[in-house]
Amino acid sequence: MNIAVLIKQVPEIELVKVDQAANEVVLPSGPGVVNPFDEYAVEEALRLKEKYGGKVTVITVGTPKAESALRDCLALGVDEAILISDPILEKSDPQATARALAAGLKKLGAFDLILSGKQAVDDDASQVPGAVAALLDLPQALFVKKVENLDGGKITVWRTTEEGYDIVELNLPALLSVVKEINEPRLPSLKGKMMAKKAPLTKWTAADIGIDGSAVGANSSTRTLKVSPPPPRQKGEMITGDTPEEIAEKLYQKLKESQAL
């Protein structure tokens, strides 16, 4: 069972700033962290490897700073880490990033399963997993909460829906994006951290994966028109009273007024 996991290095969200004058998002200078949702994908890949054997490879598109995110995954027990990094890929939108990842997966070769988190917390686009599956012409199931069975070249999963979940069977190879209900990510061991510091990383440029700059980076199809911080939350109203009954009555009247509006 050869499993590839798509990860992304994201900034610490609380440190992100918005420069409205320059119409851009200002990212912190630190190395960032593994996208939290991707941690569940890495954990699920490791659990499947422990159950069925095989190899787990993590792959990302990013700047050289993304090495730290890959080493965090290696510290958990991942077998191989691949960084696709090239100046022409910088500022790629989700669709362009998916093109680079799909090209990298083709170069990687044989795999039985691709996993990813449901979305990245920096842009919340949730486009990359589905786009990668489409580019590779693979069956896909997004927002998976449970892998129920893997046997005979097929995988059965629970896919989250607004009403609950669907049970879906897919032929392998396939792509799954996962939600946090699927597992509880493990912590790295001290031995794992020490090994990860010295572990080799595979590094590919855009040329290595057969990508030119015509539809990635600055030439991505998405254009940013305006950047602004979210509006501040409205101040809440505190309902007070001498007794619980009085407070309940005031709340009831407030709800009636809101319904009338």
Protein backbone atom coordinates (compact mmCIF):
# COMPACT_ATOMS: atom_id res chain seq x y z
CA MET A 1 0.00 0.00 0.00
CA ASN A 2 1.78 3.11 -1.26
CA ILE A 3 0.12 6.26 0.05
CA ALA A 4 0.85 9.86 -0.97
CA VAL A 5 -0.27 12.68 1.32
CA LEU A 6 -0.73 16.24 0.08
CA ILE A 7 0.28 18.74 2.73
CA LYS A 8 0.63 22.51 2.88
CA GLN A 9 2.72 24.73 5.07
CA VAL A 10 0.51 27.53 6.40
CA PRO A 11 1.28 30.61 8.49
CA GLU A 12 0.21 30.92 12.09
CA ILE A 13 -3.16 32.49 11.40
CA GLU A 14 -3.20 34.80 14.41
CA LEU A 15 -0.02 36.49 13.06
CA VAL A 16 -1.41 37.23 9.59
CA LYS A 17 -2.03 40.91 8.87
CA VAL A 18 -3.92 42.75 6.13
CA ASP A 19 -2.37 45.77 4.41
CA GLN A 20 -5.37 47.46 2.82
CA ALA A 21 -3.26 50.25 1.32
CA ALA A 22 -1.14 47.70 -0.58
CA ASN A 23 -4.16 45.43 -1.10
CA GLU A 24 -2.32 42.38 0.13
CA VAL A 25 -2.10 39.89 2.96
CA VAL A 26 1.11 40.21 4.98
CA LEU A 27 2.36 36.84 6.19
CA PRO A 28 4.58 36.39 9.25
CA SER A 29 8.28 35.80 8.66
CA GLY A 30 8.43 32.50 10.56
CA PRO A 31 8.51 29.06 8.91
CA GLY A 32 4.83 28.35 9.56
CA VAL A 33 3.23 25.04 10.49
CA VAL A 34 1.69 22.00 8.85
CA ASN A 35 -1.88 22.80 7.85
CA PRO A 36 -3.88 21.42 10.81
CA PHE A 37 -6.34 19.49 8.62
CA ASP A 38 -3.43 17.81 6.82
CA GLU A 39 -2.25 16.37 10.13
CA TYR A 40 -5.31 14.11 10.10
CA ALA A 41 -4.45 12.94 6.58
CA VAL A 42 -0.89 12.11 7.65
CA GLU A 43 -2.18 10.22 10.69
CA GLU A 44 -4.65 8.21 8.62
CA ALA A 45 -1.91 7.32 6.13
CA LEU A 46 0.32 6.08 8.94
CA ARG A 47 -2.51 4.00 10.42
CA LEU A 48 -3.21 2.42 7.03
CA LYS A 49 0.49 1.69 6.59
CA GLU A 50 0.62 0.05 10.03
CA LYS A 51 -2.36 -2.12 9.13
CA TYR A 52 -1.60 -3.00 5.52
CA GLY A 53 2.12 -2.29 5.14
CA GLY A 54 3.68 -0.18 2.42
CA LYS A 55 5.08 3.34 2.27
CA VAL A 56 3.89 6.87 3.07
CA THR A 57 5.16 9.84 1.07
CA VAL A 58 4.27 13.46 1.80
CA ILE A 59 4.45 16.02 -1.01
CA THR A 60 4.01 19.78 -0.99
CA VAL A 61 4.37 22.85 -3.18
CA GLY A 62 6.05 25.77 -1.44
CA THR A 63 9.13 27.83 -0.77
CA PRO A 64 12.25 26.36 0.84
CA LYS A 65 10.70 27.29 4.21
CA ALA A 66 8.25 24.42 3.68
CA GLU A 67 11.07 22.00 4.51
CA SER A 68 10.19 22.40 8.19
CA ALA A 69 6.63 21.17 7.57
CA LEU A 70 7.95 18.14 5.70
CA ARG A 71 10.37 17.32 8.51
CA ASP A 72 7.52 17.54 11.01
CA CYS A 73 5.82 14.78 9.00
CA LEU A 74 9.00 12.71 8.81
CA ALA A 75 9.25 12.92 12.60
CA LEU A 76 5.87 11.17 12.84
CA GLY A 77 7.03 8.17 10.80
CA VAL A 78 6.52 9.20 7.19
CA ASP A 79 8.97 7.42 4.86
CA GLU A 80 9.68 10.08 2.22
CA ALA A 81 9.13 13.81 1.78
CA ILE A 82 9.04 15.73 -1.49
CA LEU A 83 9.24 19.50 -1.91
CA ILE A 84 8.22 21.07 -5.22
CA SER A 85 9.72 24.52 -5.12
CA ASP A 86 10.38 27.04 -7.87
CA PRO A 87 10.08 30.85 -8.14
CA ILE A 88 7.63 30.49 -11.03
CA LEU A 89 5.23 28.61 -8.72
CA GLU A 90 5.09 31.33 -6.06
CA LYS A 91 1.66 32.95 -5.57
CA SER A 92 -0.06 30.11 -7.43
CA ASP A 93 -3.80 29.89 -6.86
CA PRO A 94 -5.39 26.57 -5.77
CA GLN A 95 -5.92 25.35 -9.34
CA ALA A 96 -2.31 26.09 -10.29
CA THR A 97 -1.10 24.42 -7.10
CA ALA A 98 -3.16 21.36 -8.03
CA ARG A 99 -1.46 21.27 -11.45
CA ALA A 100 1.95 21.21 -9.82
CA LEU A 101 0.93 18.53 -7.31
CA ALA A 102 -0.64 16.36 -10.00
CA ALA A 103 2.53 16.64 -12.09
CA GLY A 104 4.60 15.73 -9.04
CA LEU A 105 2.43 12.69 -8.34
CA LYS A 106 2.85 11.53 -11.93
CA LYS A 107 6.62 11.78 -11.51
CA LEU A 108 6.41 9.97 -8.17
CA GLY A 109 4.96 6.96 -9.97
CA ALA A 110 2.87 4.13 -8.56
CA PHE A 111 0.60 4.90 -5.63
CA ASP A 112 -2.55 3.24 -4.33
CA LEU A 113 -4.09 6.13 -2.42
CA ILE A 114 -3.78 9.91 -2.12
CA LEU A 115 -4.88 11.61 1.10
CA SER A 116 -5.22 15.26 2.02
CA GLY A 117 -6.89 17.46 4.60
CA LYS A 118 -10.30 18.83 3.69
CA GLN A 119 -8.94 22.37 3.21
CA ALA A 120 -6.10 24.71 4.12
CA VAL A 121 -6.74 27.14 6.96
CA ASP A 122 -5.07 30.09 5.20
CA ASP A 123 -7.33 30.35 2.13
CA ASP A 124 -10.14 27.89 3.04
CA ALA A 125 -10.58 27.20 -0.69
CA SER A 126 -10.98 23.41 -0.43
CA GLN A 127 -10.25 23.18 -4.17
CA VAL A 128 -6.91 21.39 -4.38
CA PRO A 129 -7.93 17.78 -3.52
CA GLY A 130 -10.76 17.64 -6.05
CA ALA A 131 -8.67 19.39 -8.72
CA VAL A 132 -5.78 16.94 -8.25
CA ALA A 133 -8.16 13.98 -8.59
CA ALA A 134 -9.66 15.47 -11.76
CA LEU A 135 -6.24 16.14 -13.30
CA LEU A 136 -5.15 12.57 -12.59
CA ASP A 137 -8.54 11.13 -13.63
CA LEU A 138 -8.98 9.38 -10.28
CA PRO A 139 -12.13 8.57 -8.31
CA GLN A 140 -12.47 10.84 -5.31
CA ALA A 141 -14.36 11.11 -2.03
CA LEU A 142 -14.11 14.41 -0.15
CA PHE A 143 -14.74 15.17 3.54
CA VAL A 144 -14.22 11.54 4.60
CA LYS A 145 -14.80 10.78 8.29
CA LYS A 146 -13.99 7.07 8.31
CA VAL A 147 -12.20 4.45 6.25
CA GLU A 148 -14.32 1.35 6.75
CA ASN A 149 -12.61 -1.23 4.57
CA LEU A 150 -9.72 -1.62 2.14
CA ASP A 151 -9.61 -4.86 0.20
CA GLY A 152 -9.31 -6.26 -3.31
CA GLY A 153 -8.33 -3.02 -4.99
CA LYS A 154 -11.28 -1.14 -3.47
CA ILE A 155 -11.77 1.18 -0.51
CA THR A 156 -14.99 1.88 1.38
CA VAL A 157 -15.35 5.18 3.22
CA TRP A 158 -17.87 7.31 5.07
CA ARG A 159 -18.21 10.65 3.30
CA THR A 160 -19.64 13.51 5.38
CA THR A 161 -22.74 15.24 4.00
CA GLU A 162 -25.08 17.94 5.30
CA GLU A 163 -27.58 15.23 6.28
CA GLY A 164 -25.06 12.88 7.88
CA TYR A 165 -22.83 10.66 5.75
CA ASP A 166 -22.79 8.45 2.65
CA ILE A 167 -21.00 5.10 2.45
CA VAL A 168 -18.99 5.12 -0.77
CA GLU A 169 -16.90 2.42 -2.43
CA LEU A 170 -14.10 3.50 -4.78
CA ASN A 171 -11.68 1.64 -6.98
CA LEU A 172 -8.01 2.19 -6.23
CA PRO A 173 -6.03 4.28 -6.88
CA ALA A 174 -8.25 7.01 -5.49
CA LEU A 175 -8.06 10.34 -3.67
CA LEU A 176 -9.64 11.13 -0.30
CA SER A 177 -9.79 14.38 1.63
CA VAL A 178 -10.43 13.84 5.32
CA VAL A 179 -12.09 15.71 8.19
CA LYS A 180 -10.85 15.87 11.76
CA GLU A 181 -13.40 13.32 13.01
CA ILE A 182 -11.43 10.57 11.26
CA ASN A 183 -8.75 10.16 13.97
CA GLU A 184 -6.58 11.84 16.59
CA PRO A 185 -3.10 12.77 15.25
CA ARG A 186 -0.14 11.36 17.13
CA LEU A 187 2.75 13.39 18.55
CA PRO A 188 6.32 12.87 17.33
CA SER A 189 8.76 10.93 19.48
CA LEU A 190 12.16 12.36 20.42
CA LYS A 191 13.79 9.68 18.26
CA GLY A 192 11.55 10.65 15.36
CA LYS A 193 12.48 14.31 15.71
CA MET A 194 16.20 13.51 15.73
CA MET A 195 15.91 11.27 12.66
CA ALA A 196 13.81 13.86 10.81
CA LYS A 197 16.52 16.52 11.23
CA LYS A 198 18.98 14.42 9.24
CA ALA A 199 16.59 12.74 6.81
CA PRO A 200 17.09 13.59 3.12
CA LEU A 201 14.38 15.49 1.27
CA THR A 202 13.57 15.08 -2.40
CA LYS A 203 13.43 18.48 -4.11
CA TRP A 204 11.95 19.10 -7.54
CA THR A 205 11.77 22.26 -9.60
CA ALA A 206 8.98 23.11 -12.01
CA ALA A 207 11.15 21.84 -14.86
CA ASP A 208 11.68 18.53 -13.07
CA ILE A 209 7.92 17.87 -13.13
CA GLY A 210 7.34 19.26 -16.63
CA ILE A 211 5.61 22.49 -15.57
CA ASP A 212 6.21 25.83 -17.29
CA GLY A 213 5.05 29.23 -16.08
CA SER A 214 2.12 29.63 -18.46
CA ALA A 215 -0.65 28.70 -15.99
CA VAL A 216 0.95 28.88 -12.54
CA GLY A 217 2.31 31.52 -10.21
CA ALA A 218 1.73 35.03 -11.54
CA ASN A 219 -0.13 33.50 -14.50
CA SER A 220 -2.72 31.70 -12.36
CA SER A 221 -6.30 32.15 -13.49
CA THR A 222 -7.41 33.80 -10.22
CA ARG A 223 -6.99 37.54 -9.66
CA THR A 224 -7.24 39.29 -6.29
CA LEU A 225 -9.41 42.38 -6.61
CA LYS A 226 -9.60 43.53 -3.01
CA VAL A 227 -8.15 42.50 0.33
CA SER A 228 -9.70 43.59 3.62
CA PRO A 229 -9.90 42.25 7.17
CA PRO A 230 -13.18 40.73 8.33
CA PRO A 231 -15.58 43.22 9.92
CA PRO A 232 -15.50 43.34 13.72
CA ARG A 233 -18.16 41.38 15.51
CA GLN A 234 -21.09 43.35 16.81
CA LYS A 235 -21.10 43.81 20.55
CA GLY A 236 -23.43 41.41 22.27
CA GLU A 237 -26.23 42.48 24.58
CA MET A 238 -26.29 41.27 28.17
CA ILE A 239 -29.76 40.49 29.53
CA THR A 240 -30.01 41.00 33.27
CA GLY A 241 -32.72 40.66 35.89
CA ASP A 242 -33.38 39.97 39.53
CA THR A 243 -34.72 36.45 38.96
CA PRO A 244 -34.30 33.71 36.34
CA GLU A 245 -37.97 34.20 35.43
CA GLU A 246 -37.44 37.91 34.73
CA ILE A 247 -34.38 37.19 32.57
CA ALA A 248 -36.29 34.50 30.66
CA GLU A 249 -39.19 36.88 30.03
CA LYS A 250 -36.86 39.58 28.70
CA LEU A 251 -35.18 37.03 26.43
CA TYR A 252 -38.57 35.85 25.20
CA GLN A 253 -39.62 39.41 24.34
CA LYS A 254 -36.33 39.99 22.49
CA LEU A 255 -36.90 36.85 20.43
CA LYS A 256 -40.45 37.94 19.63
CA GLU A 257 -39.19 41.33 18.47
CA SER A 258 -36.57 39.73 16.22
CA GLN A 259 -39.18 37.44 14.68
CA ALA A 260 -41.46 40.43 14.03
CA LEU A 261 -38.66 42.14 12.11
